[in-house]
Amino acid sequence: MTVEILGRTFTLKGSMPQESLQAVAREVDAQLRELQQALPTRPLSDLAILAALNLAYECLESKEDHQQLQTEIETRSKQLIQILEASDSSFLPGP
């Protein structure tokens, strides 16, 4: 499949669905255009590195957010299990 980034056409191959490849290409294009507008005198290679850094930072933030949510889910699950186990034992018939 082909995508366009900053007016240049690239042929991409991969196992990712085409819609995902298009979305990734749009994101890279948007990042580069934003940087190009903010830093019009910088060479494309500098813009590409800055875009890569921006995208890597966003990815790292997402991973950290995911890990935090995962930890919160595990903590809440353990609390709920303890509550259920405590309430379950209170319903056992006595001797």
PDB file of N, CA and C in Angstrom:
ATOM      1  N   MET A   1       0.839  -1.164   0.000  1.00  0.00           N
ATOM      2  CA  MET A   1       0.000   0.000   0.000  1.00  0.00           C
ATOM      3  C   MET A   1       0.883   1.225   0.000  1.00  0.00           C
ATOM      4  N   THR A   2       0.347   2.329  -0.479  1.00  0.00           N
ATOM      5  CA  THR A   2       1.113   3.565  -0.506  1.00  0.00           C
ATOM      6  C   THR A   2       0.473   4.591   0.422  1.00  0.00           C
ATOM      7  N   VAL A   3       1.346   5.403   1.026  1.00  0.00           N
ATOM      8  CA  VAL A   3       0.906   6.497   1.878  1.00  0.00           C
ATOM      9  C   VAL A   3       1.677   7.743   1.454  1.00  0.00           C
ATOM     10  N   GLU A   4       1.122   8.880   1.833  1.00  0.00           N
ATOM     11  CA  GLU A   4       1.787  10.137   1.505  1.00  0.00           C
ATOM     12  C   GLU A   4       2.112  10.879   2.800  1.00  0.00           C
ATOM     13  N   ILE A   5       3.383  11.267   2.907  1.00  0.00           N
ATOM     14  CA  ILE A   5       3.858  12.015   4.060  1.00  0.00           C
ATOM     15  C   ILE A   5       4.644  13.204   3.540  1.00  0.00           C
ATOM     16  N   LEU A   6       4.196  14.392   3.890  1.00  0.00           N
ATOM     17  CA  LEU A   6       4.802  15.646   3.407  1.00  0.00           C
ATOM     18  C   LEU A   6       4.927  15.673   1.884  1.00  0.00           C
ATOM     19  N   GLY A   7       3.911  15.169   1.221  1.00  0.00           N
ATOM     20  CA  GLY A   7       3.900  15.198  -0.232  1.00  0.00           C
ATOM     21  C   GLY A   7       4.737  14.118  -0.888  1.00  0.00           C
ATOM     22  N   ARG A   8       5.392  13.296  -0.110  1.00  0.00           N
ATOM     23  CA  ARG A   8       6.207  12.206  -0.656  1.00  0.00           C
ATOM     24  C   ARG A   8       5.439  10.902  -0.510  1.00  0.00           C
ATOM     25  N   THR A   9       5.504  10.067  -1.517  1.00  0.00           N
ATOM     26  CA  THR A   9       4.801   8.789  -1.513  1.00  0.00           C
ATOM     27  C   THR A   9       5.732   7.689  -1.046  1.00  0.00           C
ATOM     28  N   PHE A  10       5.220   6.882  -0.125  1.00  0.00           N
ATOM     29  CA  PHE A  10       5.979   5.749   0.397  1.00  0.00           C
ATOM     30  C   PHE A  10       5.160   4.488   0.222  1.00  0.00           C
ATOM     31  N   THR A  11       5.819   3.419  -0.171  1.00  0.00           N
ATOM     32  CA  THR A  11       5.181   2.114  -0.273  1.00  0.00           C
ATOM     33  C   THR A  11       5.494   1.344   0.999  1.00  0.00           C
ATOM     34  N   LEU A  12       4.449   0.913   1.672  1.00  0.00           N
ATOM     35  CA  LEU A  12       4.610   0.210   2.936  1.00  0.00           C
ATOM     36  C   LEU A  12       4.100  -1.214   2.819  1.00  0.00           C
ATOM     37  N   LYS A  13       4.797  -2.118   3.484  1.00  0.00           N
ATOM     38  CA  LYS A  13       4.363  -3.508   3.568  1.00  0.00           C
ATOM     39  C   LYS A  13       4.472  -3.916   5.021  1.00  0.00           C
ATOM     40  N   GLY A  14       3.517  -4.671   5.472  1.00  0.00           N
ATOM     41  CA  GLY A  14       3.570  -5.141   6.842  1.00  0.00           C
ATOM     42  C   GLY A  14       2.344  -5.937   7.191  1.00  0.00           C
ATOM     43  N   SER A  15       2.342  -6.450   8.406  1.00  0.00           N
ATOM     44  CA  SER A  15       1.223  -7.277   8.849  1.00  0.00           C
ATOM     45  C   SER A  15       0.107  -6.437   9.468  1.00  0.00           C
ATOM     46  N   MET A  16       0.354  -5.158   9.644  1.00  0.00           N
ATOM     47  CA  MET A  16      -0.639  -4.264  10.230  1.00  0.00           C
ATOM     48  C   MET A  16      -1.785  -4.032   9.241  1.00  0.00           C
ATOM     49  N   PRO A  17      -3.010  -3.944   9.738  1.00  0.00           N
ATOM     50  CA  PRO A  17      -4.136  -3.651   8.831  1.00  0.00           C
ATOM     51  C   PRO A  17      -3.922  -2.325   8.095  1.00  0.00           C
ATOM     52  N   GLN A  18      -4.421  -2.246   6.880  1.00  0.00           N
ATOM     53  CA  GLN A  18      -4.227  -1.047   6.061  1.00  0.00           C
ATOM     54  C   GLN A  18      -4.756   0.209   6.737  1.00  0.00           C
ATOM     55  N   GLU A  19      -5.882   0.084   7.422  1.00  0.00           N
ATOM     56  CA  GLU A  19      -6.445   1.253   8.105  1.00  0.00           C
ATOM     57  C   GLU A  19      -5.477   1.765   9.168  1.00  0.00           C
ATOM     58  N   SER A  20      -4.821   0.848   9.848  1.00  0.00           N
ATOM     59  CA  SER A  20      -3.851   1.232  10.879  1.00  0.00           C
ATOM     60  C   SER A  20      -2.626   1.885  10.256  1.00  0.00           C
ATOM     61  N   LEU A  21      -2.158   1.324   9.148  1.00  0.00           N
ATOM     62  CA  LEU A  21      -1.018   1.930   8.454  1.00  0.00           C
ATOM     63  C   LEU A  21      -1.351   3.347   7.995  1.00  0.00           C
ATOM     64  N   GLN A  22      -2.552   3.532   7.473  1.00  0.00           N
ATOM     65  CA  GLN A  22      -2.983   4.863   7.042  1.00  0.00           C
ATOM     66  C   GLN A  22      -3.028   5.822   8.229  1.00  0.00           C
ATOM     67  N   ALA A  23      -3.548   5.359   9.347  1.00  0.00           N
ATOM     68  CA  ALA A  23      -3.644   6.199  10.542  1.00  0.00           C
ATOM     69  C   ALA A  23      -2.254   6.588  11.039  1.00  0.00           C
ATOM     70  N   VAL A  24      -1.324   5.644  11.028  1.00  0.00           N
ATOM     71  CA  VAL A  24       0.052   5.933  11.449  1.00  0.00           C
ATOM     72  C   VAL A  24       0.677   6.956  10.507  1.00  0.00           C
ATOM     73  N   ALA A  25       0.491   6.766   9.225  1.00  0.00           N
ATOM     74  CA  ALA A  25       1.051   7.706   8.240  1.00  0.00           C
ATOM     75  C   ALA A  25       0.451   9.104   8.422  1.00  0.00           C
ATOM     76  N   ARG A  26      -0.857   9.177   8.685  1.00  0.00           N
ATOM     77  CA  ARG A  26      -1.488  10.495   8.920  1.00  0.00           C
ATOM     78  C   ARG A  26      -0.905  11.171  10.154  1.00  0.00           C
ATOM     79  N   GLU A  27      -0.662  10.378  11.190  1.00  0.00           N
ATOM     80  CA  GLU A  27      -0.094  10.937  12.426  1.00  0.00           C
ATOM     81  C   GLU A  27       1.323  11.453  12.194  1.00  0.00           C
ATOM     82  N   VAL A  28       2.138  10.686  11.491  1.00  0.00           N
ATOM     83  CA  VAL A  28       3.503  11.120  11.179  1.00  0.00           C
ATOM     84  C   VAL A  28       3.459  12.378  10.312  1.00  0.00           C
ATOM     85  N   ASP A  29       2.599  12.383   9.325  1.00  0.00           N
ATOM     86  CA  ASP A  29       2.454  13.548   8.444  1.00  0.00           C
ATOM     87  C   ASP A  29       2.031  14.778   9.247  1.00  0.00           C
ATOM     88  N   ALA A  30       1.075  14.609  10.143  1.00  0.00           N
ATOM     89  CA  ALA A  30       0.598  15.736  10.955  1.00  0.00           C
ATOM     90  C   ALA A  30       1.713  16.265  11.859  1.00  0.00           C
ATOM     91  N   GLN A  31       2.461  15.360  12.472  1.00  0.00           N
ATOM     92  CA  GLN A  31       3.576  15.775  13.335  1.00  0.00           C
ATOM     93  C   GLN A  31       4.614  16.560  12.534  1.00  0.00           C
ATOM     94  N   LEU A  32       4.967  16.033  11.380  1.00  0.00           N
ATOM     95  CA  LEU A  32       5.977  16.701  10.550  1.00  0.00           C
ATOM     96  C   LEU A  32       5.484  18.057  10.054  1.00  0.00           C
ATOM     97  N   ARG A  33       4.245  18.140   9.653  1.00  0.00           N
ATOM     98  CA  ARG A  33       3.697  19.420   9.181  1.00  0.00           C
ATOM     99  C   ARG A  33       3.665  20.455  10.305  1.00  0.00           C
ATOM    100  N   GLU A  34       3.298  20.011  11.493  1.00  0.00           N
ATOM    101  CA  GLU A  34       3.268  20.914  12.643  1.00  0.00           C
ATOM    102  C   GLU A  34       4.678  21.444  12.948  1.00  0.00           C
ATOM    103  N   LEU A  35       5.647  20.542  12.927  1.00  0.00           N
ATOM    104  CA  LEU A  35       7.027  20.953  13.179  1.00  0.00           C
ATOM    105  C   LEU A  35       7.564  21.834  12.062  1.00  0.00           C
ATOM    106  N   GLN A  36       7.201  21.504  10.836  1.00  0.00           N
ATOM    107  CA  GLN A  36       7.650  22.287   9.687  1.00  0.00           C
ATOM    108  C   GLN A  36       7.108  23.714   9.762  1.00  0.00           C
ATOM    109  N   GLN A  37       5.890  23.846  10.242  1.00  0.00           N
ATOM    110  CA  GLN A  37       5.293  25.169  10.378  1.00  0.00           C
ATOM    111  C   GLN A  37       5.966  25.953  11.514  1.00  0.00           C
ATOM    112  N   ALA A  38       6.282  25.273  12.606  1.00  0.00           N
ATOM    113  CA  ALA A  38       6.906  25.929  13.751  1.00  0.00           C
ATOM    114  C   ALA A  38       8.386  26.228  13.520  1.00  0.00           C
ATOM    115  N   LEU A  39       9.041  25.370  12.737  1.00  0.00           N
ATOM    116  CA  LEU A  39      10.484  25.501  12.493  1.00  0.00           C
ATOM    117  C   LEU A  39      10.782  25.443  11.000  1.00  0.00           C
ATOM    118  N   PRO A  40      10.345  26.448  10.250  1.00  0.00           N
ATOM    119  CA  PRO A  40      10.434  26.368   8.783  1.00  0.00           C
ATOM    120  C   PRO A  40      11.851  26.321   8.215  1.00  0.00           C
ATOM    121  N   THR A  41      12.832  26.751   8.968  1.00  0.00           N
ATOM    122  CA  THR A  41      14.203  26.773   8.431  1.00  0.00           C
ATOM    123  C   THR A  41      14.984  25.501   8.755  1.00  0.00           C
ATOM    124  N   ARG A  42      14.419  24.630   9.559  1.00  0.00           N
ATOM    125  CA  ARG A  42      15.130  23.404   9.942  1.00  0.00           C
ATOM    126  C   ARG A  42      15.062  22.382   8.814  1.00  0.00           C
ATOM    127  N   PRO A  43      16.145  21.643   8.622  1.00  0.00           N
ATOM    128  CA  PRO A  43      16.132  20.598   7.583  1.00  0.00           C
ATOM    129  C   PRO A  43      15.162  19.469   7.947  1.00  0.00           C
ATOM    130  N   LEU A  44      14.707  18.794   6.920  1.00  0.00           N
ATOM    131  CA  LEU A  44      13.744  17.703   7.092  1.00  0.00           C
ATOM    132  C   LEU A  44      14.280  16.623   8.032  1.00  0.00           C
ATOM    133  N   SER A  45      15.576  16.363   7.980  1.00  0.00           N
ATOM    134  CA  SER A  45      16.146  15.336   8.858  1.00  0.00           C
ATOM    135  C   SER A  45      15.977  15.725  10.331  1.00  0.00           C
ATOM    136  N   ASP A  46      16.144  17.004  10.659  1.00  0.00           N
ATOM    137  CA  ASP A  46      15.931  17.462  12.033  1.00  0.00           C
ATOM    138  C   ASP A  46      14.460  17.309  12.426  1.00  0.00           C
ATOM    139  N   LEU A  47      13.576  17.677  11.496  1.00  0.00           N
ATOM    140  CA  LEU A  47      12.140  17.568  11.766  1.00  0.00           C
ATOM    141  C   LEU A  47      11.741  16.110  11.991  1.00  0.00           C
ATOM    142  N   ALA A  48      12.340  15.220  11.208  1.00  0.00           N
ATOM    143  CA  ALA A  48      12.025  13.792  11.350  1.00  0.00           C
ATOM    144  C   ALA A  48      12.463  13.285  12.725  1.00  0.00           C
ATOM    145  N   ILE A  49      13.625  13.728  13.184  1.00  0.00           N
ATOM    146  CA  ILE A  49      14.101  13.305  14.511  1.00  0.00           C
ATOM    147  C   ILE A  49      13.193  13.872  15.597  1.00  0.00           C
ATOM    148  N   LEU A  50      12.814  15.147  15.470  1.00  0.00           N
ATOM    149  CA  LEU A  50      11.916  15.748  16.459  1.00  0.00           C
ATOM    150  C   LEU A  50      10.557  15.051  16.469  1.00  0.00           C
ATOM    151  N   ALA A  51      10.044  14.712  15.292  1.00  0.00           N
ATOM    152  CA  ALA A  51       8.766  14.004  15.209  1.00  0.00           C
ATOM    153  C   ALA A  51       8.891  12.630  15.864  1.00  0.00           C
ATOM    154  N   ALA A  52       9.992  11.946  15.602  1.00  0.00           N
ATOM    155  CA  ALA A  52      10.206  10.633  16.213  1.00  0.00           C
ATOM    156  C   ALA A  52      10.259  10.752  17.732  1.00  0.00           C
ATOM    157  N   LEU A  53      10.937  11.781  18.233  1.00  0.00           N
ATOM    158  CA  LEU A  53      11.005  11.995  19.679  1.00  0.00           C
ATOM    159  C   LEU A  53       9.623  12.287  20.257  1.00  0.00           C
ATOM    160  N   ASN A  54       8.855  13.132  19.586  1.00  0.00           N
ATOM    161  CA  ASN A  54       7.490  13.446  20.040  1.00  0.00           C
ATOM    162  C   ASN A  54       6.627  12.194  20.089  1.00  0.00           C
ATOM    163  N   LEU A  55       6.675  11.406  19.028  1.00  0.00           N
ATOM    164  CA  LEU A  55       5.853  10.199  18.963  1.00  0.00           C
ATOM    165  C   LEU A  55       6.314   9.158  19.983  1.00  0.00           C
ATOM    166  N   ALA A  56       7.622   9.037  20.177  1.00  0.00           N
ATOM    167  CA  ALA A  56       8.138   8.103  21.176  1.00  0.00           C
ATOM    168  C   ALA A  56       7.707   8.533  22.579  1.00  0.00           C
ATOM    169  N   TYR A  57       7.705   9.844  22.833  1.00  0.00           N
ATOM    170  CA  TYR A  57       7.265  10.349  24.134  1.00  0.00           C
ATOM    171  C   TYR A  57       5.788  10.032  24.357  1.00  0.00           C
ATOM    172  N   GLU A  58       4.971  10.242  23.329  1.00  0.00           N
ATOM    173  CA  GLU A  58       3.545   9.918  23.436  1.00  0.00           C
ATOM    174  C   GLU A  58       3.355   8.425  23.707  1.00  0.00           C
ATOM    175  N   CYS A  59       4.136   7.609  23.050  1.00  0.00           N
ATOM    176  CA  CYS A  59       4.058   6.158  23.244  1.00  0.00           C
ATOM    177  C   CYS A  59       4.452   5.799  24.674  1.00  0.00           C
ATOM    178  N   LEU A  60       5.520   6.393  25.177  1.00  0.00           N
ATOM    179  CA  LEU A  60       5.966   6.134  26.538  1.00  0.00           C
ATOM    180  C   LEU A  60       4.907   6.559  27.544  1.00  0.00           C
ATOM    181  N   GLU A  61       4.305   7.727  27.332  1.00  0.00           N
ATOM    182  CA  GLU A  61       3.229   8.185  28.214  1.00  0.00           C
ATOM    183  C   GLU A  61       2.069   7.191  28.218  1.00  0.00           C
ATOM    184  N   SER A  62       1.708   6.696  27.045  1.00  0.00           N
ATOM    185  CA  SER A  62       0.615   5.728  26.944  1.00  0.00           C
ATOM    186  C   SER A  62       0.951   4.444  27.691  1.00  0.00           C
ATOM    187  N   LYS A  63       2.184   3.985  27.563  1.00  0.00           N
ATOM    188  CA  LYS A  63       2.600   2.777  28.274  1.00  0.00           C
ATOM    189  C   LYS A  63       2.544   2.987  29.781  1.00  0.00           C
ATOM    190  N   GLU A  64       2.995   4.157  30.231  1.00  0.00           N
ATOM    191  CA  GLU A  64       2.959   4.453  31.660  1.00  0.00           C
ATOM    192  C   GLU A  64       1.520   4.540  32.158  1.00  0.00           C
ATOM    193  N   ASP A  65       0.650   5.183  31.374  1.00  0.00           N
ATOM    194  CA  ASP A  65      -0.770   5.264  31.734  1.00  0.00           C
ATOM    195  C   ASP A  65      -1.384   3.869  31.803  1.00  0.00           C
ATOM    196  N   HIS A  66      -1.056   3.043  30.829  1.00  0.00           N
ATOM    197  CA  HIS A  66      -1.569   1.672  30.790  1.00  0.00           C
ATOM    198  C   HIS A  66      -1.115   0.903  32.025  1.00  0.00           C
ATOM    199  N   GLN A  67       0.162   1.031  32.372  1.00  0.00           N
ATOM    200  CA  GLN A  67       0.684   0.331  33.540  1.00  0.00           C
ATOM    201  C   GLN A  67       0.002   0.806  34.819  1.00  0.00           C
ATOM    202  N   GLN A  68      -0.217   2.108  34.917  1.00  0.00           N
ATOM    203  CA  GLN A  68      -0.890   2.662  36.095  1.00  0.00           C
ATOM    204  C   GLN A  68      -2.321   2.130  36.203  1.00  0.00           C
ATOM    205  N   LEU A  69      -3.032   2.103  35.073  1.00  0.00           N
ATOM    206  CA  LEU A  69      -4.392   1.570  35.074  1.00  0.00           C
ATOM    207  C   LEU A  69      -4.404   0.090  35.415  1.00  0.00           C
ATOM    208  N   GLN A  70      -3.449  -0.646  34.891  1.00  0.00           N
ATOM    209  CA  GLN A  70      -3.354  -2.079  35.173  1.00  0.00           C
ATOM    210  C   GLN A  70      -3.135  -2.312  36.662  1.00  0.00           C
ATOM    211  N   THR A  71      -2.259  -1.530  37.266  1.00  0.00           N
ATOM    212  CA  THR A  71      -1.999  -1.643  38.700  1.00  0.00           C
ATOM    213  C   THR A  71      -3.252  -1.308  39.500  1.00  0.00           C
ATOM    214  N   GLU A  72      -3.958  -0.262  39.085  1.00  0.00           N
ATOM    215  CA  GLU A  72      -5.187   0.130  39.770  1.00  0.00           C
ATOM    216  C   GLU A  72      -6.258  -0.954  39.663  1.00  0.00           C
ATOM    217  N   ILE A  73      -6.380  -1.545  38.496  1.00  0.00           N
ATOM    218  CA  ILE A  73      -7.350  -2.630  38.298  1.00  0.00           C
ATOM    219  C   ILE A  73      -7.011  -3.814  39.195  1.00  0.00           C
ATOM    220  N   GLU A  74      -5.733  -4.183  39.250  1.00  0.00           N
ATOM    221  CA  GLU A  74      -5.321  -5.302  40.090  1.00  0.00           C
ATOM    222  C   GLU A  74      -5.604  -5.019  41.567  1.00  0.00           C
ATOM    223  N   THR A  75      -5.304  -3.797  42.006  1.00  0.00           N
ATOM    224  CA  THR A  75      -5.547  -3.426  43.405  1.00  0.00           C
ATOM    225  C   THR A  75      -7.030  -3.482  43.723  1.00  0.00           C
ATOM    226  N   ARG A  76      -7.850  -2.895  42.868  1.00  0.00           N
ATOM    227  CA  ARG A  76      -9.304  -2.901  43.103  1.00  0.00           C
ATOM    228  C   ARG A  76      -9.877  -4.312  43.042  1.00  0.00           C
ATOM    229  N   SER A  77      -9.358  -5.123  42.144  1.00  0.00           N
ATOM    230  CA  SER A  77      -9.833  -6.509  42.037  1.00  0.00           C
ATOM    231  C   SER A  77      -9.545  -7.273  43.318  1.00  0.00           C
ATOM    232  N   LYS A  78      -8.336  -7.092  43.850  1.00  0.00           N
ATOM    233  CA  LYS A  78      -7.991  -7.765  45.103  1.00  0.00           C
ATOM    234  C   LYS A  78      -8.894  -7.289  46.235  1.00  0.00           C
ATOM    235  N   GLN A  79      -9.170  -5.994  46.281  1.00  0.00           N
ATOM    236  CA  GLN A  79     -10.060  -5.463  47.327  1.00  0.00           C
ATOM    237  C   GLN A  79     -11.461  -6.048  47.201  1.00  0.00           C
ATOM    238  N   LEU A  80     -11.959  -6.119  45.969  1.00  0.00           N
ATOM    239  CA  LEU A  80     -13.299  -6.683  45.757  1.00  0.00           C
ATOM    240  C   LEU A  80     -13.347  -8.154  46.117  1.00  0.00           C
ATOM    241  N   ILE A  81     -12.306  -8.885  45.797  1.00  0.00           N
ATOM    242  CA  ILE A  81     -12.259 -10.310  46.147  1.00  0.00           C
ATOM    243  C   ILE A  81     -12.281 -10.471  47.662  1.00  0.00           C
ATOM    244  N   GLN A  82     -11.517  -9.629  48.352  1.00  0.00           N
ATOM    245  CA  GLN A  82     -11.511  -9.696  49.826  1.00  0.00           C
ATOM    246  C   GLN A  82     -12.898  -9.385  50.393  1.00  0.00           C
ATOM    247  N   ILE A  83     -13.556  -8.384  49.836  1.00  0.00           N
ATOM    248  CA  ILE A  83     -14.904  -8.030  50.294  1.00  0.00           C
ATOM    249  C   ILE A  83     -15.867  -9.181  50.044  1.00  0.00           C
ATOM    250  N   LEU A  84     -15.791  -9.774  48.849  1.00  0.00           N
ATOM    251  CA  LEU A  84     -16.677 -10.897  48.517  1.00  0.00           C
ATOM    252  C   LEU A  84     -16.401 -12.098  49.406  1.00  0.00           C
ATOM    253  N   GLU A  85     -15.143 -12.393  49.627  1.00  0.00           N
ATOM    254  CA  GLU A  85     -14.805 -13.529  50.477  1.00  0.00           C
ATOM    255  C   GLU A  85     -15.272 -13.290  51.910  1.00  0.00           C
ATOM    256  N   ALA A  86     -15.137 -12.062  52.396  1.00  0.00           N
ATOM    257  CA  ALA A  86     -15.575 -11.729  53.764  1.00  0.00           C
ATOM    258  C   ALA A  86     -17.091 -11.819  53.874  1.00  0.00           C
ATOM    259  N   SER A  87     -17.796 -11.329  52.865  1.00  0.00           N
ATOM    260  CA  SER A  87     -19.262 -11.359  52.922  1.00  0.00           C
ATOM    261  C   SER A  87     -19.776 -12.774  52.701  1.00  0.00           C
ATOM    262  N   ASP A  88     -19.059 -13.557  51.896  1.00  0.00           N
ATOM    263  CA  ASP A  88     -19.471 -14.930  51.634  1.00  0.00           C
ATOM    264  C   ASP A  88     -19.389 -15.751  52.906  1.00  0.00           C
ATOM    265  N   SER A  89     -18.355 -15.552  53.687  1.00  0.00           N
ATOM    266  CA  SER A  89     -18.205 -16.334  54.918  1.00  0.00           C
ATOM    267  C   SER A  89     -19.226 -15.925  55.975  1.00  0.00           C
ATOM    268  N   SER A  90     -19.753 -14.712  55.882  1.00  0.00           N
ATOM    269  CA  SER A  90     -20.764 -14.285  56.863  1.00  0.00           C
ATOM    270  C   SER A  90     -22.121 -14.923  56.581  1.00  0.00           C
ATOM    271  N   PHE A  91     -22.294 -15.476  55.387  1.00  0.00           N
ATOM    272  CA  PHE A  91     -23.572 -16.109  55.041  1.00  0.00           C
ATOM    273  C   PHE A  91     -23.573 -17.622  55.285  1.00  0.00           C
ATOM    274  N   LEU A  92     -22.461 -18.136  55.743  1.00  0.00           N
ATOM    275  CA  LEU A  92     -22.407 -19.581  56.005  1.00  0.00           C
ATOM    276  C   LEU A  92     -23.285 -19.898  57.228  1.00  0.00           C
ATOM    277  N   PRO A  93     -24.041 -20.968  57.123  1.00  0.00           N
ATOM    278  CA  PRO A  93     -24.888 -21.326  58.284  1.00  0.00           C
ATOM    279  C   PRO A  93     -24.012 -21.764  59.453  1.00  0.00           C
ATOM    280  N   GLY A  94     -24.386 -21.355  60.633  1.00  0.00           N
ATOM    281  CA  GLY A  94     -23.641 -21.705  61.830  1.00  0.00           C
ATOM    282  C   GLY A  94     -24.024 -23.070  62.362  1.00  0.00           C
ATOM    283  N   PRO A  95     -23.213 -23.642  63.242  1.00  0.00           N
ATOM    284  CA  PRO A  95     -23.510 -24.982  63.784  1.00  0.00           C
ATOM    285  C   PRO A  95     -24.668 -24.985  64.740  1.00  0.00           C
TER     286      PRO A  95
END
